[in-house]
Amino acid sequence: MNVGEFQKISLRTMKIDENTISHCSMGLAGETGEVIDIIKKHLYYEKELDKNHITEELGDIMFYLVNLASALDISMVNVLEQNIEKLNKRYPEGFNKEDAILRRDKSE
C-alpha cells in the first residue's frame, strides 16, 4: 500500500467536517505522546522496547496525519515529494552538521 492509497482508505473511518482539523491535530499530539512514553519507559525504566506497540501507535499517527491533510485538501503524496525536495536542497551531499546550520532551503 502506498501513502496515497492509505489516505483514501482511512477516510472511511474519519468524518471530515468543521471539527476535523482540531480533532486530527489533537490526535496527532496524543498519539505522538504515546510513542514518547513507550520510549521513555524503555530508556529510563529499563522496560524492553515494545516495537509492536510503537508500530501500532505510528499507525495511529499516520491515520491522524493523513486525515488532517485530507481535511485541508492536501495530498500526502505531495507532502512527501515536497519534503524530499526540501531535504535535497538542505543536504545536497547527504546529512552533515554544517548543512543543518546553513539551512540552504531557507535562504531562498
C-alpha atoms as a PDB file:
ATOM      1  CA  MET A   1       0.000   0.000   0.000  1.00  0.00           C
ATOM      2  CA  ASN A   2       1.261   3.491  -0.740  1.00  0.00           C
ATOM      3  CA  VAL A   3       0.533   6.660   1.204  1.00  0.00           C
ATOM      4  CA  GLY A   4      -1.996   7.908  -1.344  1.00  0.00           C
ATOM      5  CA  GLU A   5      -3.997   4.703  -1.030  1.00  0.00           C
ATOM      6  CA  PHE A   6      -3.783   4.876   2.760  1.00  0.00           C
ATOM      7  CA  GLN A   7      -5.041   8.465   2.671  1.00  0.00           C
ATOM      8  CA  LYS A   8      -8.095   7.449   0.616  1.00  0.00           C
ATOM      9  CA  ILE A   9      -8.850   4.296   2.611  1.00  0.00           C
ATOM     10  CA  SER A  10      -8.588   5.979   6.010  1.00  0.00           C
ATOM     11  CA  LEU A  11     -11.302   8.473   5.058  1.00  0.00           C
ATOM     12  CA  ARG A  12     -13.747   5.594   5.555  1.00  0.00           C
ATOM     13  CA  THR A  13     -13.410   5.969   9.308  1.00  0.00           C
ATOM     14  CA  MET A  14     -12.981   9.757   9.616  1.00  0.00           C
ATOM     15  CA  LYS A  15     -15.840  12.169   9.100  1.00  0.00           C
ATOM     16  CA  ILE A  16     -14.469  15.345   7.521  1.00  0.00           C
ATOM     17  CA  ASP A  17     -16.296  18.335   8.987  1.00  0.00           C
ATOM     18  CA  GLU A  18     -15.609  21.627  10.776  1.00  0.00           C
ATOM     19  CA  ASN A  19     -14.058  19.752  13.717  1.00  0.00           C
ATOM     20  CA  THR A  20     -11.676  17.532  11.767  1.00  0.00           C
ATOM     21  CA  ILE A  21      -8.677  19.879  11.827  1.00  0.00           C
ATOM     22  CA  SER A  22      -8.748  20.245  15.608  1.00  0.00           C
ATOM     23  CA  HIS A  23      -9.619  16.560  16.121  1.00  0.00           C
ATOM     24  CA  CYS A  24      -6.711  15.373  13.980  1.00  0.00           C
ATOM     25  CA  SER A  25      -4.263  17.921  15.431  1.00  0.00           C
ATOM     26  CA  MET A  26      -5.065  16.799  18.972  1.00  0.00           C
ATOM     27  CA  GLY A  27      -4.982  13.161  17.905  1.00  0.00           C
ATOM     28  CA  LEU A  28      -1.509  13.639  16.418  1.00  0.00           C
ATOM     29  CA  ALA A  29      -0.254  15.194  19.627  1.00  0.00           C
ATOM     30  CA  GLY A  30      -1.791  12.473  21.783  1.00  0.00           C
ATOM     31  CA  GLU A  31      -0.501   9.561  19.718  1.00  0.00           C
ATOM     32  CA  THR A  32       2.961  11.128  19.485  1.00  0.00           C
ATOM     33  CA  GLY A  33       2.917  11.383  23.268  1.00  0.00           C
ATOM     34  CA  GLU A  34       2.150   7.672  23.468  1.00  0.00           C
ATOM     35  CA  VAL A  35       5.225   6.861  21.344  1.00  0.00           C
ATOM     36  CA  ILE A  36       7.342   9.128  23.524  1.00  0.00           C
ATOM     37  CA  ASP A  37       6.018   7.393  26.646  1.00  0.00           C
ATOM     38  CA  ILE A  38       6.982   3.950  25.310  1.00  0.00           C
ATOM     39  CA  ILE A  39      10.494   5.192  24.547  1.00  0.00           C
ATOM     40  CA  LYS A  40      10.741   6.955  27.947  1.00  0.00           C
ATOM     41  CA  LYS A  41       9.862   3.730  29.753  1.00  0.00           C
ATOM     42  CA  HIS A  42      12.500   1.909  27.729  1.00  0.00           C
ATOM     43  CA  LEU A  43      15.219   4.491  28.385  1.00  0.00           C
ATOM     44  CA  TYR A  44      14.540   5.346  31.998  1.00  0.00           C
ATOM     45  CA  TYR A  45      12.662   2.374  33.495  1.00  0.00           C
ATOM     46  CA  GLU A  46      14.615  -0.293  31.598  1.00  0.00           C
ATOM     47  CA  LYS A  47      11.491  -1.814  30.080  1.00  0.00           C
ATOM     48  CA  GLU A  48      12.009  -3.766  26.892  1.00  0.00           C
ATOM     49  CA  LEU A  49      11.369  -1.614  23.833  1.00  0.00           C
ATOM     50  CA  ASP A  50       7.949  -2.728  22.594  1.00  0.00           C
ATOM     51  CA  LYS A  51       8.258  -2.290  18.825  1.00  0.00           C
ATOM     52  CA  ASN A  52       4.835  -3.823  18.225  1.00  0.00           C
ATOM     53  CA  HIS A  53       3.243  -1.189  20.449  1.00  0.00           C
ATOM     54  CA  ILE A  54       5.252   1.558  18.734  1.00  0.00           C
ATOM     55  CA  THR A  55       4.145   0.212  15.341  1.00  0.00           C
ATOM     56  CA  GLU A  56       0.515   0.419  16.449  1.00  0.00           C
ATOM     57  CA  GLU A  57       0.945   3.986  17.687  1.00  0.00           C
ATOM     58  CA  LEU A  58       2.785   5.013  14.498  1.00  0.00           C
ATOM     59  CA  GLY A  59      -0.225   3.708  12.568  1.00  0.00           C
ATOM     60  CA  ASP A  60      -2.473   5.915  14.696  1.00  0.00           C
ATOM     61  CA  ILE A  61      -0.185   8.883  13.997  1.00  0.00           C
ATOM     62  CA  MET A  62      -0.425   8.201  10.264  1.00  0.00           C
ATOM     63  CA  PHE A  63      -4.213   7.961  10.499  1.00  0.00           C
ATOM     64  CA  TYR A  64      -4.484  11.399  12.079  1.00  0.00           C
ATOM     65  CA  LEU A  65      -1.826  12.863   9.779  1.00  0.00           C
ATOM     66  CA  VAL A  66      -3.420  11.742   6.521  1.00  0.00           C
ATOM     67  CA  ASN A  67      -6.882  12.776   7.667  1.00  0.00           C
ATOM     68  CA  LEU A  68      -5.605  16.205   8.702  1.00  0.00           C
ATOM     69  CA  ALA A  69      -4.137  16.518   5.208  1.00  0.00           C
ATOM     70  CA  SER A  70      -7.452  15.395   3.686  1.00  0.00           C
ATOM     71  CA  ALA A  71      -9.386  17.943   5.750  1.00  0.00           C
ATOM     72  CA  LEU A  72      -7.070  20.620   4.357  1.00  0.00           C
ATOM     73  CA  ASP A  73      -7.334  19.188   0.808  1.00  0.00           C
ATOM     74  CA  ILE A  74      -3.616  18.352   0.772  1.00  0.00           C
ATOM     75  CA  SER A  75      -2.269  15.242  -0.932  1.00  0.00           C
ATOM     76  CA  MET A  76       0.088  13.227   1.251  1.00  0.00           C
ATOM     77  CA  VAL A  77       1.984  12.257  -1.913  1.00  0.00           C
ATOM     78  CA  ASN A  78       2.589  15.982  -2.457  1.00  0.00           C
ATOM     79  CA  VAL A  79       3.619  16.416   1.196  1.00  0.00           C
ATOM     80  CA  LEU A  80       6.236  13.670   0.865  1.00  0.00           C
ATOM     81  CA  GLU A  81       7.510  14.935  -2.502  1.00  0.00           C
ATOM     82  CA  GLN A  82       7.908  18.482  -1.140  1.00  0.00           C
ATOM     83  CA  ASN A  83       9.709  17.153   1.924  1.00  0.00           C
ATOM     84  CA  ILE A  84      12.214  15.214  -0.187  1.00  0.00           C
ATOM     85  CA  GLU A  85      12.774  18.285  -2.376  1.00  0.00           C
ATOM     86  CA  LYS A  86      13.442  20.423   0.723  1.00  0.00           C
ATOM     87  CA  LEU A  87      15.836  17.856   2.204  1.00  0.00           C
ATOM     88  CA  ASN A  88      17.711  17.523  -1.106  1.00  0.00           C
ATOM     89  CA  LYS A  89      18.253  21.296  -1.109  1.00  0.00           C
ATOM     90  CA  ARG A  90      19.239  21.359   2.558  1.00  0.00           C
ATOM     91  CA  TYR A  91      21.558  18.347   2.364  1.00  0.00           C
ATOM     92  CA  PRO A  92      22.778  18.079  -1.248  1.00  0.00           C
ATOM     93  CA  GLU A  93      25.504  15.582  -0.277  1.00  0.00           C
ATOM     94  CA  GLY A  94      23.567  13.862   2.498  1.00  0.00           C
ATOM     95  CA  PHE A  95      23.213  14.955   6.115  1.00  0.00           C
ATOM     96  CA  ASN A  96      26.003  16.853   7.814  1.00  0.00           C
ATOM     97  CA  LYS A  97      26.048  19.387  10.659  1.00  0.00           C
ATOM     98  CA  GLU A  98      27.293  22.275   8.519  1.00  0.00           C
ATOM     99  CA  ASP A  99      24.374  21.983   6.100  1.00  0.00           C
ATOM    100  CA  ALA A 100      21.991  21.624   9.035  1.00  0.00           C
ATOM    101  CA  ILE A 101      23.201  25.002  10.303  1.00  0.00           C
ATOM    102  CA  LEU A 102      23.230  26.661   6.847  1.00  0.00           C
ATOM    103  CA  ARG A 103      19.647  25.573   6.021  1.00  0.00           C
ATOM    104  CA  ARG A 104      20.026  26.287   2.273  1.00  0.00           C
ATOM    105  CA  ASP A 105      16.321  25.678   1.724  1.00  0.00           C
ATOM    106  CA  LYS A 106      15.504  28.696   3.956  1.00  0.00           C
ATOM    107  CA  SER A 107      17.791  31.171   2.205  1.00  0.00           C
ATOM    108  CA  GLU A 108      15.678  31.371  -0.953  1.00  0.00           C
END
